[in-house]
Amino acid sequence: MNKTETIKQFVKYGLVGVLNTVVTLVVIFVCKSWLEIHPVVSNALGYIAGVINSFLWNKSWVFRSQKGYMREAVKFLVGFGLCYLLQLLIVMGLTYHTAMGAMEWDLHFMVISGYGVATIIAMMIYTMANYLYNRLVTFR
């Protein structure tokens, strides 16, 4: 795959990520607000919907895989778990083991905490790691 195709694939991966966020939030909102399901259960259902959405779009559109669903689904879930753990470790490490955790920036219209910055950094690393995992392992 050449550089242009890789960039196009990563952009598609990013668009799927945006769609996953929307799906997750909509499911959480509908479950919690309309169906009056407990917030923790609503959150779990939202994330399950987001992961299923992500798998289906990544398999069919981003990576165009023609291989079996079950084997790739298992690899996809393992990759999600590993990358989520990496993201969590980065957030916790930056927040609790560096000066970043105590930092706070007042922008007059909102306050940004060190935890928030750590979360953004970790999300960027999660996105790259998960893309590489799916490209090299799940949908290879």
C-alpha atoms as a PDB file:
ATOM      1  CA  MET A   1       0.000   0.000   0.000  1.00  0.00           C
ATOM      2  CA  ASN A   2       1.467   3.366  -0.988  1.00  0.00           C
ATOM      3  CA  LYS A   3       1.570   6.497   1.180  1.00  0.00           C
ATOM      4  CA  THR A   4      -1.542   8.096  -0.400  1.00  0.00           C
ATOM      5  CA  GLU A   5      -3.614   4.931   0.088  1.00  0.00           C
ATOM      6  CA  THR A   6      -2.430   4.680   3.705  1.00  0.00           C
ATOM      7  CA  ILE A   7      -3.455   8.288   4.373  1.00  0.00           C
ATOM      8  CA  LYS A   8      -6.867   7.710   2.764  1.00  0.00           C
ATOM      9  CA  GLN A   9      -7.318   4.571   4.856  1.00  0.00           C
ATOM     10  CA  PHE A  10      -6.401   6.417   8.061  1.00  0.00           C
ATOM     11  CA  VAL A  11      -8.848   9.246   7.232  1.00  0.00           C
ATOM     12  CA  LYS A  12     -11.591   6.662   6.704  1.00  0.00           C
ATOM     13  CA  TYR A  13     -10.601   5.091  10.021  1.00  0.00           C
ATOM     14  CA  GLY A  14     -10.945   8.505  11.664  1.00  0.00           C
ATOM     15  CA  LEU A  15     -14.384   9.042  10.120  1.00  0.00           C
ATOM     16  CA  VAL A  16     -15.500   5.682  11.477  1.00  0.00           C
ATOM     17  CA  GLY A  17     -14.224   6.818  14.873  1.00  0.00           C
ATOM     18  CA  VAL A  18     -16.393   9.937  14.699  1.00  0.00           C
ATOM     19  CA  LEU A  19     -19.396   7.810  13.717  1.00  0.00           C
ATOM     20  CA  ASN A  20     -18.652   5.444  16.631  1.00  0.00           C
ATOM     21  CA  THR A  21     -18.707   8.372  19.026  1.00  0.00           C
ATOM     22  CA  VAL A  22     -22.091   9.494  17.706  1.00  0.00           C
ATOM     23  CA  VAL A  23     -23.532   5.959  17.856  1.00  0.00           C
ATOM     24  CA  THR A  24     -22.219   5.471  21.390  1.00  0.00           C
ATOM     25  CA  LEU A  25     -23.630   8.775  22.637  1.00  0.00           C
ATOM     26  CA  VAL A  26     -27.016   8.276  20.951  1.00  0.00           C
ATOM     27  CA  VAL A  27     -27.428   4.786  22.412  1.00  0.00           C
ATOM     28  CA  ILE A  28     -26.446   6.015  25.881  1.00  0.00           C
ATOM     29  CA  PHE A  29     -28.866   8.953  25.611  1.00  0.00           C
ATOM     30  CA  VAL A  30     -31.776   6.855  24.318  1.00  0.00           C
ATOM     31  CA  CYS A  31     -31.258   4.105  26.898  1.00  0.00           C
ATOM     32  CA  LYS A  32     -30.850   6.473  29.840  1.00  0.00           C
ATOM     33  CA  SER A  33     -33.252   9.288  28.969  1.00  0.00           C
ATOM     34  CA  TRP A  34     -36.010   7.643  26.959  1.00  0.00           C
ATOM     35  CA  LEU A  35     -35.951   4.040  28.133  1.00  0.00           C
ATOM     36  CA  GLU A  36     -34.951   4.960  31.718  1.00  0.00           C
ATOM     37  CA  ILE A  37     -32.281   2.256  31.880  1.00  0.00           C
ATOM     38  CA  HIS A  38     -29.719   2.615  34.685  1.00  0.00           C
ATOM     39  CA  PRO A  39     -26.848   4.959  33.624  1.00  0.00           C
ATOM     40  CA  VAL A  40     -24.148   2.290  34.043  1.00  0.00           C
ATOM     41  CA  VAL A  41     -26.087  -0.192  31.895  1.00  0.00           C
ATOM     42  CA  SER A  42     -26.825   2.559  29.361  1.00  0.00           C
ATOM     43  CA  ASN A  43     -23.131   3.400  29.175  1.00  0.00           C
ATOM     44  CA  ALA A  44     -22.186  -0.254  28.646  1.00  0.00           C
ATOM     45  CA  LEU A  45     -24.840  -0.655  25.922  1.00  0.00           C
ATOM     46  CA  GLY A  46     -23.579   2.494  24.222  1.00  0.00           C
ATOM     47  CA  TYR A  47     -20.004   1.231  24.155  1.00  0.00           C
ATOM     48  CA  ILE A  48     -21.092  -2.198  22.923  1.00  0.00           C
ATOM     49  CA  ALA A  49     -22.998  -0.517  20.079  1.00  0.00           C
ATOM     50  CA  GLY A  50     -19.960   1.648  19.293  1.00  0.00           C
ATOM     51  CA  VAL A  51     -17.587  -1.341  19.167  1.00  0.00           C
ATOM     52  CA  ILE A  52     -19.962  -3.338  16.939  1.00  0.00           C
ATOM     53  CA  ASN A  53     -20.374  -0.322  14.657  1.00  0.00           C
ATOM     54  CA  SER A  54     -16.603   0.144  14.554  1.00  0.00           C
ATOM     55  CA  PHE A  55     -15.936  -3.485  13.688  1.00  0.00           C
ATOM     56  CA  LEU A  56     -18.481  -3.603  10.871  1.00  0.00           C
ATOM     57  CA  TRP A  57     -17.367  -0.324   9.228  1.00  0.00           C
ATOM     58  CA  ASN A  58     -13.662  -1.090   9.631  1.00  0.00           C
ATOM     59  CA  LYS A  59     -14.074  -4.584   8.224  1.00  0.00           C
ATOM     60  CA  SER A  60     -16.169  -3.613   5.223  1.00  0.00           C
ATOM     61  CA  TRP A  61     -15.134  -0.035   4.372  1.00  0.00           C
ATOM     62  CA  VAL A  62     -11.779   0.913   5.893  1.00  0.00           C
ATOM     63  CA  PHE A  63      -9.821  -2.327   5.516  1.00  0.00           C
ATOM     64  CA  ARG A  64     -12.122  -4.093   3.003  1.00  0.00           C
ATOM     65  CA  SER A  65     -11.594  -7.505   4.531  1.00  0.00           C
ATOM     66  CA  GLN A  66     -13.240 -10.548   2.998  1.00  0.00           C
ATOM     67  CA  LYS A  67     -12.163 -12.962   5.737  1.00  0.00           C
ATOM     68  CA  GLY A  68     -14.413 -14.629   8.307  1.00  0.00           C
ATOM     69  CA  TYR A  69     -16.263 -12.524  10.846  1.00  0.00           C
ATOM     70  CA  MET A  70     -15.670 -14.521  14.034  1.00  0.00           C
ATOM     71  CA  ARG A  71     -11.876 -14.716  13.833  1.00  0.00           C
ATOM     72  CA  GLU A  72     -11.571 -11.032  12.981  1.00  0.00           C
ATOM     73  CA  ALA A  73     -14.112 -10.050  15.632  1.00  0.00           C
ATOM     74  CA  VAL A  74     -12.057 -11.792  18.318  1.00  0.00           C
ATOM     75  CA  LYS A  75      -8.861 -10.092  17.103  1.00  0.00           C
ATOM     76  CA  PHE A  76     -10.684  -6.761  16.948  1.00  0.00           C
ATOM     77  CA  LEU A  77     -11.909  -7.105  20.556  1.00  0.00           C
ATOM     78  CA  VAL A  78      -8.431  -8.082  21.749  1.00  0.00           C
ATOM     79  CA  GLY A  79      -6.988  -5.035  19.979  1.00  0.00           C
ATOM     80  CA  PHE A  80      -9.652  -2.785  21.466  1.00  0.00           C
ATOM     81  CA  GLY A  81      -8.870  -4.114  24.945  1.00  0.00           C
ATOM     82  CA  LEU A  82      -5.108  -3.755  24.570  1.00  0.00           C
ATOM     83  CA  CYS A  83      -5.330  -0.246  23.148  1.00  0.00           C
ATOM     84  CA  TYR A  84      -7.859   0.811  25.766  1.00  0.00           C
ATOM     85  CA  LEU A  85      -5.513  -0.475  28.484  1.00  0.00           C
ATOM     86  CA  LEU A  86      -2.628   1.450  26.898  1.00  0.00           C
ATOM     87  CA  GLN A  87      -4.772   4.600  26.830  1.00  0.00           C
ATOM     88  CA  LEU A  88      -5.804   4.138  30.450  1.00  0.00           C
ATOM     89  CA  LEU A  89      -2.210   3.590  31.589  1.00  0.00           C
ATOM     90  CA  ILE A  90      -1.091   6.759  29.796  1.00  0.00           C
ATOM     91  CA  VAL A  91      -3.897   8.837  31.344  1.00  0.00           C
ATOM     92  CA  MET A  92      -3.196   7.501  34.819  1.00  0.00           C
ATOM     93  CA  GLY A  93       0.571   7.800  34.397  1.00  0.00           C
ATOM     94  CA  LEU A  94       0.432  11.402  33.212  1.00  0.00           C
ATOM     95  CA  THR A  95      -2.203  12.371  35.769  1.00  0.00           C
ATOM     96  CA  TYR A  96      -0.788  10.700  38.878  1.00  0.00           C
ATOM     97  CA  HIS A  97       2.947  10.470  38.189  1.00  0.00           C
ATOM     98  CA  THR A  98       3.779  13.800  36.560  1.00  0.00           C
ATOM     99  CA  ALA A  99       3.137  17.440  37.342  1.00  0.00           C
ATOM    100  CA  MET A 100       0.425  17.411  34.675  1.00  0.00           C
ATOM    101  CA  GLY A 101      -2.116  16.034  37.145  1.00  0.00           C
ATOM    102  CA  ALA A 102      -1.994  19.185  39.243  1.00  0.00           C
ATOM    103  CA  MET A 103      -2.128  21.594  36.311  1.00  0.00           C
ATOM    104  CA  GLU A 104      -5.162  23.636  35.391  1.00  0.00           C
ATOM    105  CA  TRP A 105      -5.722  26.260  32.705  1.00  0.00           C
ATOM    106  CA  ASP A 106      -8.515  28.803  33.055  1.00  0.00           C
ATOM    107  CA  LEU A 107      -9.576  29.992  29.602  1.00  0.00           C
ATOM    108  CA  HIS A 108     -12.325  32.261  31.030  1.00  0.00           C
ATOM    109  CA  PHE A 109     -15.036  30.255  29.268  1.00  0.00           C
ATOM    110  CA  MET A 110     -13.838  26.864  30.488  1.00  0.00           C
ATOM    111  CA  VAL A 111     -11.199  25.239  32.648  1.00  0.00           C
ATOM    112  CA  ILE A 112      -8.898  22.602  31.208  1.00  0.00           C
ATOM    113  CA  SER A 113      -7.359  20.214  33.713  1.00  0.00           C
ATOM    114  CA  GLY A 114      -4.184  18.216  33.458  1.00  0.00           C
ATOM    115  CA  TYR A 115      -6.385  15.122  33.441  1.00  0.00           C
ATOM    116  CA  GLY A 116      -8.199  16.497  30.382  1.00  0.00           C
ATOM    117  CA  VAL A 117      -4.929  17.127  28.548  1.00  0.00           C
ATOM    118  CA  ALA A 118      -3.664  13.672  29.539  1.00  0.00           C
ATOM    119  CA  THR A 119      -6.886  12.168  28.197  1.00  0.00           C
ATOM    120  CA  ILE A 120      -6.488  13.939  24.842  1.00  0.00           C
ATOM    121  CA  ILE A 121      -2.859  12.797  24.533  1.00  0.00           C
ATOM    122  CA  ALA A 122      -3.834   9.231  25.426  1.00  0.00           C
ATOM    123  CA  MET A 123      -6.746   9.260  22.952  1.00  0.00           C
ATOM    124  CA  MET A 124      -4.390  10.252  20.134  1.00  0.00           C
ATOM    125  CA  ILE A 125      -2.028   7.417  21.067  1.00  0.00           C
ATOM    126  CA  TYR A 126      -4.997   5.012  21.336  1.00  0.00           C
ATOM    127  CA  THR A 127      -6.161   6.002  17.851  1.00  0.00           C
ATOM    128  CA  MET A 128      -2.752   5.408  16.270  1.00  0.00           C
ATOM    129  CA  ALA A 129      -2.136   2.160  18.159  1.00  0.00           C
ATOM    130  CA  ASN A 130      -5.595   0.792  17.369  1.00  0.00           C
ATOM    131  CA  TYR A 131      -5.287   1.709  13.686  1.00  0.00           C
ATOM    132  CA  LEU A 132      -1.901  -0.036  13.464  1.00  0.00           C
ATOM    133  CA  TYR A 133      -3.158  -3.079  15.372  1.00  0.00           C
ATOM    134  CA  ASN A 134      -6.181  -3.441  13.080  1.00  0.00           C
ATOM    135  CA  ARG A 135      -4.125  -2.888   9.947  1.00  0.00           C
ATOM    136  CA  LEU A 136      -1.325  -5.286  10.938  1.00  0.00           C
ATOM    137  CA  VAL A 137      -3.219  -7.890  12.964  1.00  0.00           C
ATOM    138  CA  THR A 138      -7.016  -7.890  12.685  1.00  0.00           C
ATOM    139  CA  PHE A 139      -7.574  -7.150   8.988  1.00  0.00           C
ATOM    140  CA  ARG A 140      -4.179  -8.223   7.590  1.00  0.00           C
END
